[in-house]
């Protein structure tokens, strides 16, 4: 799970460094590279949990799930 935390930090850092929004495709490429680095099968519970978390994070960055608190 440390790799998941690092991946989330990398995505957040990229978003903060860029004035324009990061394109969806770029975030998905980062997600895919990060998941590949886990060296887990796509059916492994850890892989699935990491993918869900990264997908949710990407949605939040893109504002597609923005809801008021």
PDB file of N, CA and C in Angstrom:
ATOM      1  N   UNK A   1       0.808  -1.189   0.000  1.00  0.00           N
ATOM      2  CA  UNK A   1       0.000   0.000   0.000  1.00  0.00           C
ATOM      3  C   UNK A   1       0.857   1.261   0.000  1.00  0.00           C
ATOM      4  N   UNK A   2       2.130   1.129   0.332  1.00  0.00           N
ATOM      5  CA  UNK A   2       3.025   2.283   0.278  1.00  0.00           C
ATOM      6  C   UNK A   2       3.124   2.796  -1.153  1.00  0.00           C
ATOM      7  N   UNK A   3       3.107   1.878  -2.114  1.00  0.00           N
ATOM      8  CA  UNK A   3       3.181   2.293  -3.518  1.00  0.00           C
ATOM      9  C   UNK A   3       1.922   3.055  -3.913  1.00  0.00           C
ATOM     10  N   UNK A   4       0.781   2.666  -3.358  1.00  0.00           N
ATOM     11  CA  UNK A   4      -0.461   3.383  -3.639  1.00  0.00           C
ATOM     12  C   UNK A   4      -0.365   4.806  -3.102  1.00  0.00           C
ATOM     13  N   UNK A   5       0.160   4.955  -1.895  1.00  0.00           N
ATOM     14  CA  UNK A   5       0.326   6.275  -1.307  1.00  0.00           C
ATOM     15  C   UNK A   5       1.269   7.125  -2.152  1.00  0.00           C
ATOM     16  N   UNK A   6       2.359   6.519  -2.622  1.00  0.00           N
ATOM     17  CA  UNK A   6       3.307   7.244  -3.475  1.00  0.00           C
ATOM     18  C   UNK A   6       2.644   7.662  -4.778  1.00  0.00           C
ATOM     19  N   UNK A   7       1.833   6.779  -5.352  1.00  0.00           N
ATOM     20  CA  UNK A   7       1.153   7.091  -6.607  1.00  0.00           C
ATOM     21  C   UNK A   7       0.195   8.261  -6.418  1.00  0.00           C
ATOM     22  N   UNK A   8      -0.552   8.235  -5.329  1.00  0.00           N
ATOM     23  CA  UNK A   8      -1.477   9.329  -5.062  1.00  0.00           C
ATOM     24  C   UNK A   8      -0.721  10.641  -4.862  1.00  0.00           C
ATOM     25  N   UNK A   9       0.416  10.579  -4.194  1.00  0.00           N
ATOM     26  CA  UNK A   9       1.226  11.779  -3.988  1.00  0.00           C
ATOM     27  C   UNK A   9       1.758  12.317  -5.311  1.00  0.00           C
ATOM     28  N   UNK A  10       2.194  11.408  -6.207  1.00  0.00           N
ATOM     29  CA  UNK A  10       2.698  11.833  -7.517  1.00  0.00           C
ATOM     30  C   UNK A  10       1.606  12.522  -8.321  1.00  0.00           C
ATOM     31  N   UNK A  11       0.415  11.953  -8.304  1.00  0.00           N
ATOM     32  CA  UNK A  11      -0.696  12.538  -9.055  1.00  0.00           C
ATOM     33  C   UNK A  11      -1.042  13.907  -8.480  1.00  0.00           C
ATOM     34  N   UNK A  12      -1.085  14.021  -7.164  1.00  0.00           N
ATOM     35  CA  UNK A  12      -1.398  15.299  -6.528  1.00  0.00           C
ATOM     36  C   UNK A  12      -0.322  16.340  -6.834  1.00  0.00           C
ATOM     37  N   UNK A  13       0.935  15.922  -6.836  1.00  0.00           N
ATOM     38  CA  UNK A  13       2.031  16.838  -7.133  1.00  0.00           C
ATOM     39  C   UNK A  13       1.933  17.341  -8.566  1.00  0.00           C
ATOM     40  N   UNK A  14       1.642  16.433  -9.505  1.00  0.00           N
ATOM     41  CA  UNK A  14       1.494  16.840 -10.902  1.00  0.00           C
ATOM     42  C   UNK A  14       0.376  17.865 -11.046  1.00  0.00           C
ATOM     43  N   UNK A  15      -0.726  17.619 -10.378  1.00  0.00           N
ATOM     44  CA  UNK A  15      -1.868  18.512 -10.483  1.00  0.00           C
ATOM     45  C   UNK A  15      -1.521  19.891  -9.921  1.00  0.00           C
ATOM     46  N   UNK A  16      -0.775  19.927  -8.837  1.00  0.00           N
ATOM     47  CA  UNK A  16      -0.406  21.196  -8.219  1.00  0.00           C
ATOM     48  C   UNK A  16       0.595  21.974  -9.063  1.00  0.00           C
ATOM     49  N   UNK A  17       1.478  21.282  -9.775  1.00  0.00           N
ATOM     50  CA  UNK A  17       2.518  21.935 -10.558  1.00  0.00           C
ATOM     51  C   UNK A  17       1.999  22.521 -11.867  1.00  0.00           C
ATOM     52  N   UNK A  18       0.914  22.017 -12.353  1.00  0.00           N
ATOM     53  CA  UNK A  18       0.427  22.464 -13.657  1.00  0.00           C
ATOM     54  C   UNK A  18      -0.705  23.459 -13.489  1.00  0.00           C
ATOM     55  N   UNK A  19      -0.657  24.540 -14.252  1.00  0.00           N
ATOM     56  CA  UNK A  19      -1.713  25.541 -14.195  1.00  0.00           C
ATOM     57  C   UNK A  19      -2.988  25.012 -14.843  1.00  0.00           C
ATOM     58  N   UNK A  20      -2.846  24.275 -15.939  1.00  0.00           N
ATOM     59  CA  UNK A  20      -3.989  23.697 -16.634  1.00  0.00           C
ATOM     60  C   UNK A  20      -4.295  22.342 -16.026  1.00  0.00           C
ATOM     61  N   UNK A  21      -5.518  21.907 -16.185  1.00  0.00           N
ATOM     62  CA  UNK A  21      -5.919  20.590 -15.687  1.00  0.00           C
ATOM     63  C   UNK A  21      -5.170  19.498 -16.442  1.00  0.00           C
ATOM     64  N   UNK A  22      -4.817  18.455 -15.728  1.00  0.00           N
ATOM     65  CA  UNK A  22      -4.154  17.312 -16.343  1.00  0.00           C
ATOM     66  C   UNK A  22      -5.205  16.544 -17.136  1.00  0.00           C
ATOM     67  N   UNK A  23      -4.846  16.164 -18.335  1.00  0.00           N
ATOM     68  CA  UNK A  23      -5.783  15.438 -19.174  1.00  0.00           C
ATOM     69  C   UNK A  23      -6.073  14.060 -18.587  1.00  0.00           C
ATOM     70  N   UNK A  24      -7.288  13.609 -18.774  1.00  0.00           N
ATOM     71  CA  UNK A  24      -7.732  12.305 -18.278  1.00  0.00           C
ATOM     72  C   UNK A  24      -6.809  11.192 -18.755  1.00  0.00           C
ATOM     73  N   UNK A  25      -6.424  11.215 -20.007  1.00  0.00           N
ATOM     74  CA  UNK A  25      -5.559  10.173 -20.566  1.00  0.00           C
ATOM     75  C   UNK A  25      -4.201  10.108 -19.887  1.00  0.00           C
ATOM     76  N   UNK A  26      -3.649  11.267 -19.542  1.00  0.00           N
ATOM     77  CA  UNK A  26      -2.357  11.294 -18.862  1.00  0.00           C
ATOM     78  C   UNK A  26      -2.455  10.663 -17.482  1.00  0.00           C
ATOM     79  N   UNK A  27      -3.530  10.979 -16.764  1.00  0.00           N
ATOM     80  CA  UNK A  27      -3.711  10.397 -15.439  1.00  0.00           C
ATOM     81  C   UNK A  27      -3.905   8.884 -15.523  1.00  0.00           C
ATOM     82  N   UNK A  28      -4.625   8.451 -16.530  1.00  0.00           N
ATOM     83  CA  UNK A  28      -4.846   7.021 -16.694  1.00  0.00           C
ATOM     84  C   UNK A  28      -3.542   6.300 -17.033  1.00  0.00           C
ATOM     85  N   UNK A  29      -2.669   6.948 -17.803  1.00  0.00           N
ATOM     86  CA  UNK A  29      -1.360   6.355 -18.107  1.00  0.00           C
ATOM     87  C   UNK A  29      -0.522   6.213 -16.831  1.00  0.00           C
ATOM     88  N   UNK A  30      -0.555   7.235 -15.991  1.00  0.00           N
ATOM     89  CA  UNK A  30       0.172   7.170 -14.721  1.00  0.00           C
ATOM     90  C   UNK A  30      -0.414   6.052 -13.859  1.00  0.00           C
ATOM     91  N   UNK A  31      -1.732   5.980 -13.820  1.00  0.00           N
ATOM     92  CA  UNK A  31      -2.396   4.910 -13.058  1.00  0.00           C
ATOM     93  C   UNK A  31      -1.948   3.546 -13.546  1.00  0.00           C
ATOM     94  N   UNK A  32      -1.946   3.357 -14.851  1.00  0.00           N
ATOM     95  CA  UNK A  32      -1.578   2.061 -15.427  1.00  0.00           C
ATOM     96  C   UNK A  32      -0.125   1.705 -15.120  1.00  0.00           C
ATOM     97  N   UNK A  33       0.777   2.680 -15.224  1.00  0.00           N
ATOM     98  CA  UNK A  33       2.190   2.414 -14.887  1.00  0.00           C
ATOM     99  C   UNK A  33       2.346   2.054 -13.416  1.00  0.00           C
ATOM    100  N   UNK A  34       1.619   2.772 -12.573  1.00  0.00           N
ATOM    101  CA  UNK A  34       1.697   2.502 -11.137  1.00  0.00           C
ATOM    102  C   UNK A  34       1.166   1.111 -10.822  1.00  0.00           C
ATOM    103  N   UNK A  35       0.051   0.751 -11.416  1.00  0.00           N
ATOM    104  CA  UNK A  35      -0.516  -0.577 -11.180  1.00  0.00           C
ATOM    105  C   UNK A  35       0.419  -1.669 -11.694  1.00  0.00           C
ATOM    106  N   UNK A  36       1.053  -1.434 -12.817  1.00  0.00           N
ATOM    107  CA  UNK A  36       1.996  -2.418 -13.361  1.00  0.00           C
ATOM    108  C   UNK A  36       3.185  -2.594 -12.424  1.00  0.00           C
ATOM    109  N   UNK A  37       3.577  -1.523 -11.744  1.00  0.00           N
ATOM    110  CA  UNK A  37       4.719  -1.615 -10.835  1.00  0.00           C
ATOM    111  C   UNK A  37       4.403  -2.445  -9.590  1.00  0.00           C
ATOM    112  N   UNK A  38       3.126  -2.659  -9.317  1.00  0.00           N
ATOM    113  CA  UNK A  38       2.742  -3.473  -8.162  1.00  0.00           C
ATOM    114  C   UNK A  38       3.044  -4.957  -8.382  1.00  0.00           C
ATOM    115  N   UNK A  39       3.176  -5.325  -9.637  1.00  0.00           N
ATOM    116  CA  UNK A  39       3.474  -6.708 -10.013  1.00  0.00           C
ATOM    117  C   UNK A  39       2.465  -7.691  -9.427  1.00  0.00           C
ATOM    118  N   UNK A  40       1.206  -7.326  -9.522  1.00  0.00           N
ATOM    119  CA  UNK A  40       0.108  -8.185  -9.096  1.00  0.00           C
ATOM    120  C   UNK A  40      -0.740  -8.510 -10.315  1.00  0.00           C
ATOM    121  N   UNK A  41      -1.388  -9.654 -10.270  1.00  0.00           N
ATOM    122  CA  UNK A  41      -2.320  -9.988 -11.335  1.00  0.00           C
ATOM    123  C   UNK A  41      -3.542  -9.090 -11.254  1.00  0.00           C
ATOM    124  N   UNK A  42      -4.212  -8.892 -12.371  1.00  0.00           N
ATOM    125  CA  UNK A  42      -5.365  -8.003 -12.406  1.00  0.00           C
ATOM    126  C   UNK A  42      -6.520  -8.516 -11.552  1.00  0.00           C
ATOM    127  N   UNK A  43      -6.507  -9.788 -11.203  1.00  0.00           N
ATOM    128  CA  UNK A  43      -7.561 -10.345 -10.367  1.00  0.00           C
ATOM    129  C   UNK A  43      -7.205 -10.308  -8.877  1.00  0.00           C
ATOM    130  N   UNK A  44      -5.991  -9.902  -8.540  1.00  0.00           N
ATOM    131  CA  UNK A  44      -5.561  -9.861  -7.139  1.00  0.00           C
ATOM    132  C   UNK A  44      -6.340  -8.779  -6.382  1.00  0.00           C
ATOM    133  N   UNK A  45      -6.760  -9.072  -5.160  1.00  0.00           N
ATOM    134  CA  UNK A  45      -7.513  -8.076  -4.381  1.00  0.00           C
ATOM    135  C   UNK A  45      -6.763  -6.760  -4.195  1.00  0.00           C
ATOM    136  N   UNK A  46      -5.455  -6.818  -3.994  1.00  0.00           N
ATOM    137  CA  UNK A  46      -4.672  -5.598  -3.822  1.00  0.00           C
ATOM    138  C   UNK A  46      -4.670  -4.743  -5.080  1.00  0.00           C
ATOM    139  N   UNK A  47      -4.591  -5.393  -6.239  1.00  0.00           N
ATOM    140  CA  UNK A  47      -4.618  -4.681  -7.524  1.00  0.00           C
ATOM    141  C   UNK A  47      -5.962  -3.983  -7.693  1.00  0.00           C
ATOM    142  N   UNK A  48      -7.027  -4.724  -7.416  1.00  0.00           N
ATOM    143  CA  UNK A  48      -8.367  -4.165  -7.588  1.00  0.00           C
ATOM    144  C   UNK A  48      -8.601  -2.985  -6.652  1.00  0.00           C
ATOM    145  N   UNK A  49      -8.150  -3.112  -5.408  1.00  0.00           N
ATOM    146  CA  UNK A  49      -8.322  -2.027  -4.440  1.00  0.00           C
ATOM    147  C   UNK A  49      -7.525  -0.794  -4.859  1.00  0.00           C
ATOM    148  N   UNK A  50      -6.300  -1.002  -5.314  1.00  0.00           N
ATOM    149  CA  UNK A  50      -5.465   0.116  -5.753  1.00  0.00           C
ATOM    150  C   UNK A  50      -6.080   0.796  -6.975  1.00  0.00           C
ATOM    151  N   UNK A  51      -6.580   0.005  -7.917  1.00  0.00           N
ATOM    152  CA  UNK A  51      -7.193   0.572  -9.124  1.00  0.00           C
ATOM    153  C   UNK A  51      -8.428   1.392  -8.771  1.00  0.00           C
ATOM    154  N   UNK A  52      -9.260   0.878  -7.894  1.00  0.00           N
ATOM    155  CA  UNK A  52     -10.446   1.627  -7.487  1.00  0.00           C
ATOM    156  C   UNK A  52     -10.067   2.947  -6.823  1.00  0.00           C
ATOM    157  N   UNK A  53      -9.063   2.898  -5.941  1.00  0.00           N
ATOM    158  CA  UNK A  53      -8.634   4.114  -5.245  1.00  0.00           C
ATOM    159  C   UNK A  53      -8.066   5.134  -6.224  1.00  0.00           C
ATOM    160  N   UNK A  54      -7.242   4.685  -7.153  1.00  0.00           N
ATOM    161  CA  UNK A  54      -6.651   5.603  -8.133  1.00  0.00           C
ATOM    162  C   UNK A  54      -7.710   6.173  -9.066  1.00  0.00           C
ATOM    163  N   UNK A  55      -8.662   5.344  -9.484  1.00  0.00           N
ATOM    164  CA  UNK A  55      -9.742   5.833 -10.347  1.00  0.00           C
ATOM    165  C   UNK A  55     -10.567   6.894  -9.628  1.00  0.00           C
ATOM    166  N   UNK A  56     -10.865   6.664  -8.354  1.00  0.00           N
ATOM    167  CA  UNK A  56     -11.627   7.629  -7.575  1.00  0.00           C
ATOM    168  C   UNK A  56     -10.849   8.935  -7.423  1.00  0.00           C
ATOM    169  N   UNK A  57      -9.538   8.812  -7.207  1.00  0.00           N
ATOM    170  CA  UNK A  57      -8.689   9.991  -7.064  1.00  0.00           C
ATOM    171  C   UNK A  57      -8.660  10.796  -8.362  1.00  0.00           C
ATOM    172  N   UNK A  58      -8.556  10.113  -9.488  1.00  0.00           N
ATOM    173  CA  UNK A  58      -8.558  10.785 -10.790  1.00  0.00           C
ATOM    174  C   UNK A  58      -9.884  11.507 -11.000  1.00  0.00           C
ATOM    175  N   UNK A  59     -10.983  10.866 -10.633  1.00  0.00           N
ATOM    176  CA  UNK A  59     -12.289  11.512 -10.752  1.00  0.00           C
ATOM    177  C   UNK A  59     -12.346  12.792  -9.918  1.00  0.00           C
ATOM    178  N   UNK A  60     -11.816  12.718  -8.712  1.00  0.00           N
ATOM    179  CA  UNK A  60     -11.799  13.896  -7.847  1.00  0.00           C
ATOM    180  C   UNK A  60     -10.951  15.023  -8.444  1.00  0.00           C
ATOM    181  N   UNK A  61      -9.800  14.677  -8.984  1.00  0.00           N
ATOM    182  CA  UNK A  61      -8.949  15.687  -9.598  1.00  0.00           C
ATOM    183  C   UNK A  61      -9.632  16.358 -10.774  1.00  0.00           C
ATOM    184  N   UNK A  62     -10.364  15.588 -11.541  1.00  0.00           N
ATOM    185  CA  UNK A  62     -11.040  16.136 -12.711  1.00  0.00           C
ATOM    186  C   UNK A  62     -12.367  16.797 -12.372  1.00  0.00           C
ATOM    187  N   UNK A  63     -12.764  16.700 -11.109  1.00  0.00           N
ATOM    188  CA  UNK A  63     -13.998  17.369 -10.681  1.00  0.00           C
ATOM    189  C   UNK A  63     -15.263  16.682 -11.129  1.00  0.00           C
ATOM    190  N   UNK A  64     -15.160  15.463 -11.663  1.00  0.00           N
ATOM    191  CA  UNK A  64     -16.362  14.806 -12.162  1.00  0.00           C
ATOM    192  C   UNK A  64     -17.230  14.243 -11.044  1.00  0.00           C
ATOM    193  N   UNK A  65     -16.695  14.135  -9.833  1.00  0.00           N
ATOM    194  CA  UNK A  65     -17.498  13.663  -8.714  1.00  0.00           C
ATOM    195  C   UNK A  65     -17.569  14.726  -7.635  1.00  0.00           C
ATOM    196  N   UNK A  66     -17.330  15.993  -8.028  1.00  0.00           N
ATOM    197  CA  UNK A  66     -17.323  17.079  -7.055  1.00  0.00           C
ATOM    198  C   UNK A  66     -18.712  17.237  -6.452  1.00  0.00           C
ATOM    199  N   UNK A  67     -18.770  17.055  -5.139  1.00  0.00           N
ATOM    200  CA  UNK A  67     -20.012  17.258  -4.404  1.00  0.00           C
ATOM    201  C   UNK A  67     -19.700  18.137  -3.218  1.00  0.00           C
ATOM    202  N   UNK A  68     -20.609  19.024  -2.873  1.00  0.00           N
ATOM    203  CA  UNK A  68     -20.344  19.875  -1.715  1.00  0.00           C
ATOM    204  C   UNK A  68     -20.251  19.056  -0.449  1.00  0.00           C
ATOM    205  N   UNK A  69     -19.400  19.468   0.502  1.00  0.00           N
ATOM    206  CA  UNK A  69     -19.247  18.698   1.744  1.00  0.00           C
ATOM    207  C   UNK A  69     -20.481  18.720   2.606  1.00  0.00           C
TER     208      UNK A  69
END
